Amino acid sequence: MERNETECKKCNGKEFVQGTDFVNLRPLNKKMSFGCEKIYTVCIKCGEIESIKIINPEELK
């Protein structure tokens, strides 16, 4: 994913990639919940994480 409108705060890089991990975010009061997937936006040049977005945050209720 190339994002020219944004610069990395650490290295001023202009290219970013999106990725995820295998650990979902779960609500504290629902231990058996499947939780929500996280999407990380990462600078390709230095690896700094620009943002973390939760997919389907309504599932945290």
N, C-alpha and C. Protein backbone atom coordinates (compact mmCIF):
# COMPACT_ATOMS: atom_id res chain seq x y z
N MET A 1 0.86 -1.17 0.00
CA MET A 1 0.00 0.00 0.00
C MET A 1 0.90 1.23 0.00
N GLU A 2 0.79 2.04 -0.98
CA GLU A 2 1.58 3.26 -1.05
C GLU A 2 0.71 4.44 -0.65
N ARG A 3 1.23 5.26 0.26
CA ARG A 3 0.45 6.39 0.78
C ARG A 3 1.31 7.64 0.71
N ASN A 4 1.19 8.40 -0.34
CA ASN A 4 2.02 9.59 -0.52
C ASN A 4 1.60 10.77 0.34
N GLU A 5 0.37 10.78 0.84
CA GLU A 5 -0.10 11.90 1.63
C GLU A 5 0.42 11.85 3.07
N THR A 6 1.05 10.75 3.47
CA THR A 6 1.52 10.59 4.83
C THR A 6 3.02 10.38 4.86
N GLU A 7 3.68 10.97 5.85
CA GLU A 7 5.10 10.73 6.07
C GLU A 7 5.29 10.06 7.41
N CYS A 8 6.25 9.16 7.48
CA CYS A 8 6.59 8.51 8.74
C CYS A 8 7.12 9.57 9.70
N LYS A 9 6.65 9.55 10.93
CA LYS A 9 7.08 10.53 11.93
C LYS A 9 8.53 10.31 12.36
N LYS A 10 9.05 9.10 12.16
CA LYS A 10 10.40 8.78 12.62
C LYS A 10 11.45 9.04 11.54
N CYS A 11 11.18 8.61 10.28
CA CYS A 11 12.22 8.69 9.26
C CYS A 11 11.80 9.48 8.02
N ASN A 12 10.58 10.01 8.00
CA ASN A 12 10.03 10.75 6.86
C ASN A 12 9.81 9.88 5.62
N GLY A 13 9.78 8.56 5.81
CA GLY A 13 9.48 7.65 4.70
C GLY A 13 8.06 7.88 4.21
N LYS A 14 7.82 7.51 2.95
CA LYS A 14 6.50 7.76 2.35
C LYS A 14 5.80 6.49 1.90
N GLU A 15 6.42 5.34 2.08
CA GLU A 15 5.80 4.08 1.66
C GLU A 15 5.44 3.25 2.89
N PHE A 16 4.21 2.75 2.88
CA PHE A 16 3.69 1.97 4.00
C PHE A 16 3.10 0.67 3.50
N VAL A 17 3.07 -0.30 4.37
CA VAL A 17 2.45 -1.59 4.08
C VAL A 17 1.52 -1.93 5.24
N GLN A 18 0.48 -2.72 4.96
CA GLN A 18 -0.43 -3.13 6.02
C GLN A 18 -0.24 -4.61 6.30
N GLY A 19 -0.38 -4.98 7.57
CA GLY A 19 -0.24 -6.37 7.97
C GLY A 19 -1.06 -6.64 9.21
N THR A 20 -1.09 -7.89 9.63
CA THR A 20 -1.83 -8.30 10.81
C THR A 20 -1.00 -9.30 11.58
N ASP A 21 -1.45 -9.68 12.77
CA ASP A 21 -0.83 -10.76 13.51
C ASP A 21 -1.91 -11.79 13.82
N PHE A 22 -1.56 -12.80 14.57
CA PHE A 22 -2.52 -13.89 14.82
C PHE A 22 -3.20 -13.79 16.17
N VAL A 23 -3.03 -12.66 16.86
CA VAL A 23 -3.63 -12.49 18.18
C VAL A 23 -4.74 -11.44 18.07
N ASN A 24 -5.97 -11.84 18.28
CA ASN A 24 -7.10 -10.91 18.23
C ASN A 24 -7.23 -10.15 19.54
N LEU A 25 -7.78 -8.95 19.45
CA LEU A 25 -8.08 -8.13 20.62
C LEU A 25 -9.42 -8.58 21.18
N ARG A 26 -9.45 -8.95 22.47
CA ARG A 26 -10.69 -9.44 23.09
C ARG A 26 -11.09 -8.53 24.24
N PRO A 27 -12.41 -8.41 24.49
CA PRO A 27 -12.85 -7.64 25.66
C PRO A 27 -12.46 -8.36 26.95
N LEU A 28 -12.13 -7.59 27.99
CA LEU A 28 -11.70 -8.18 29.26
C LEU A 28 -12.79 -9.02 29.91
N ASN A 29 -14.04 -8.62 29.74
CA ASN A 29 -15.14 -9.33 30.42
C ASN A 29 -15.68 -10.52 29.62
N LYS A 30 -15.11 -10.83 28.46
CA LYS A 30 -15.57 -11.96 27.63
C LYS A 30 -14.36 -12.81 27.23
N LYS A 31 -13.92 -13.66 28.13
CA LYS A 31 -12.71 -14.45 27.91
C LYS A 31 -12.84 -15.43 26.73
N MET A 32 -14.05 -15.86 26.41
CA MET A 32 -14.25 -16.84 25.34
C MET A 32 -14.57 -16.18 23.99
N SER A 33 -14.51 -14.88 23.91
CA SER A 33 -14.80 -14.16 22.67
C SER A 33 -13.70 -14.43 21.63
N PHE A 34 -14.09 -14.46 20.36
CA PHE A 34 -13.11 -14.58 19.29
C PHE A 34 -12.32 -13.29 19.12
N GLY A 35 -12.93 -12.17 19.49
CA GLY A 35 -12.26 -10.88 19.42
C GLY A 35 -12.25 -10.29 18.03
N CYS A 36 -11.40 -9.27 17.86
CA CYS A 36 -11.34 -8.50 16.62
C CYS A 36 -9.93 -8.52 16.05
N GLU A 37 -9.86 -8.60 14.74
CA GLU A 37 -8.57 -8.57 14.04
C GLU A 37 -8.01 -7.15 14.05
N LYS A 38 -6.68 -7.04 14.13
CA LYS A 38 -5.99 -5.75 14.09
C LYS A 38 -5.26 -5.62 12.75
N ILE A 39 -5.29 -4.41 12.19
CA ILE A 39 -4.54 -4.10 10.98
C ILE A 39 -3.49 -3.06 11.34
N TYR A 40 -2.23 -3.39 11.10
CA TYR A 40 -1.12 -2.48 11.37
C TYR A 40 -0.70 -1.80 10.06
N THR A 41 -0.44 -0.49 10.11
CA THR A 41 0.14 0.24 8.98
C THR A 41 1.57 0.56 9.38
N VAL A 42 2.53 0.04 8.60
CA VAL A 42 3.95 0.07 8.96
C VAL A 42 4.77 0.75 7.87
N CYS A 43 5.71 1.61 8.29
CA CYS A 43 6.64 2.25 7.36
C CYS A 43 7.59 1.19 6.81
N ILE A 44 7.73 1.13 5.50
CA ILE A 44 8.61 0.15 4.87
C ILE A 44 10.08 0.49 5.13
N LYS A 45 10.39 1.76 5.24
CA LYS A 45 11.79 2.19 5.40
C LYS A 45 12.37 1.86 6.77
N CYS A 46 11.62 2.14 7.86
CA CYS A 46 12.20 1.96 9.20
C CYS A 46 11.42 0.99 10.09
N GLY A 47 10.22 0.59 9.69
CA GLY A 47 9.44 -0.35 10.49
C GLY A 47 8.56 0.28 11.56
N GLU A 48 8.54 1.60 11.64
CA GLU A 48 7.70 2.29 12.63
C GLU A 48 6.23 2.01 12.32
N ILE A 49 5.44 1.71 13.35
CA ILE A 49 4.00 1.50 13.17
C ILE A 49 3.31 2.85 13.19
N GLU A 50 2.66 3.18 12.07
CA GLU A 50 1.96 4.46 11.97
C GLU A 50 0.60 4.39 12.64
N SER A 51 -0.11 3.26 12.46
CA SER A 51 -1.43 3.13 13.07
C SER A 51 -1.79 1.67 13.28
N ILE A 52 -2.73 1.46 14.20
CA ILE A 52 -3.34 0.16 14.42
C ILE A 52 -4.84 0.36 14.35
N LYS A 53 -5.49 -0.39 13.47
CA LYS A 53 -6.94 -0.27 13.30
C LYS A 53 -7.58 -1.60 13.65
N ILE A 54 -8.73 -1.54 14.34
CA ILE A 54 -9.48 -2.71 14.72
C ILE A 54 -10.59 -2.95 13.69
N ILE A 55 -10.65 -4.17 13.17
CA ILE A 55 -11.72 -4.56 12.24
C ILE A 55 -12.91 -5.00 13.09
N ASN A 56 -14.09 -4.51 12.77
CA ASN A 56 -15.35 -4.85 13.47
C ASN A 56 -15.28 -4.54 14.97
N PRO A 57 -15.01 -3.29 15.35
CA PRO A 57 -14.90 -2.95 16.79
C PRO A 57 -16.18 -3.19 17.57
N GLU A 58 -17.32 -3.28 16.91
CA GLU A 58 -18.58 -3.54 17.61
C GLU A 58 -18.57 -4.91 18.29
N GLU A 59 -17.71 -5.81 17.87
CA GLU A 59 -17.62 -7.13 18.49
C GLU A 59 -16.97 -7.07 19.87
N LEU A 60 -16.43 -5.93 20.26
CA LEU A 60 -15.84 -5.79 21.59
C LEU A 60 -16.89 -5.52 22.67
N LYS A 61 -18.13 -5.25 22.25
CA LYS A 61 -19.20 -4.96 23.22
C LYS A 61 -19.52 -6.17 24.05
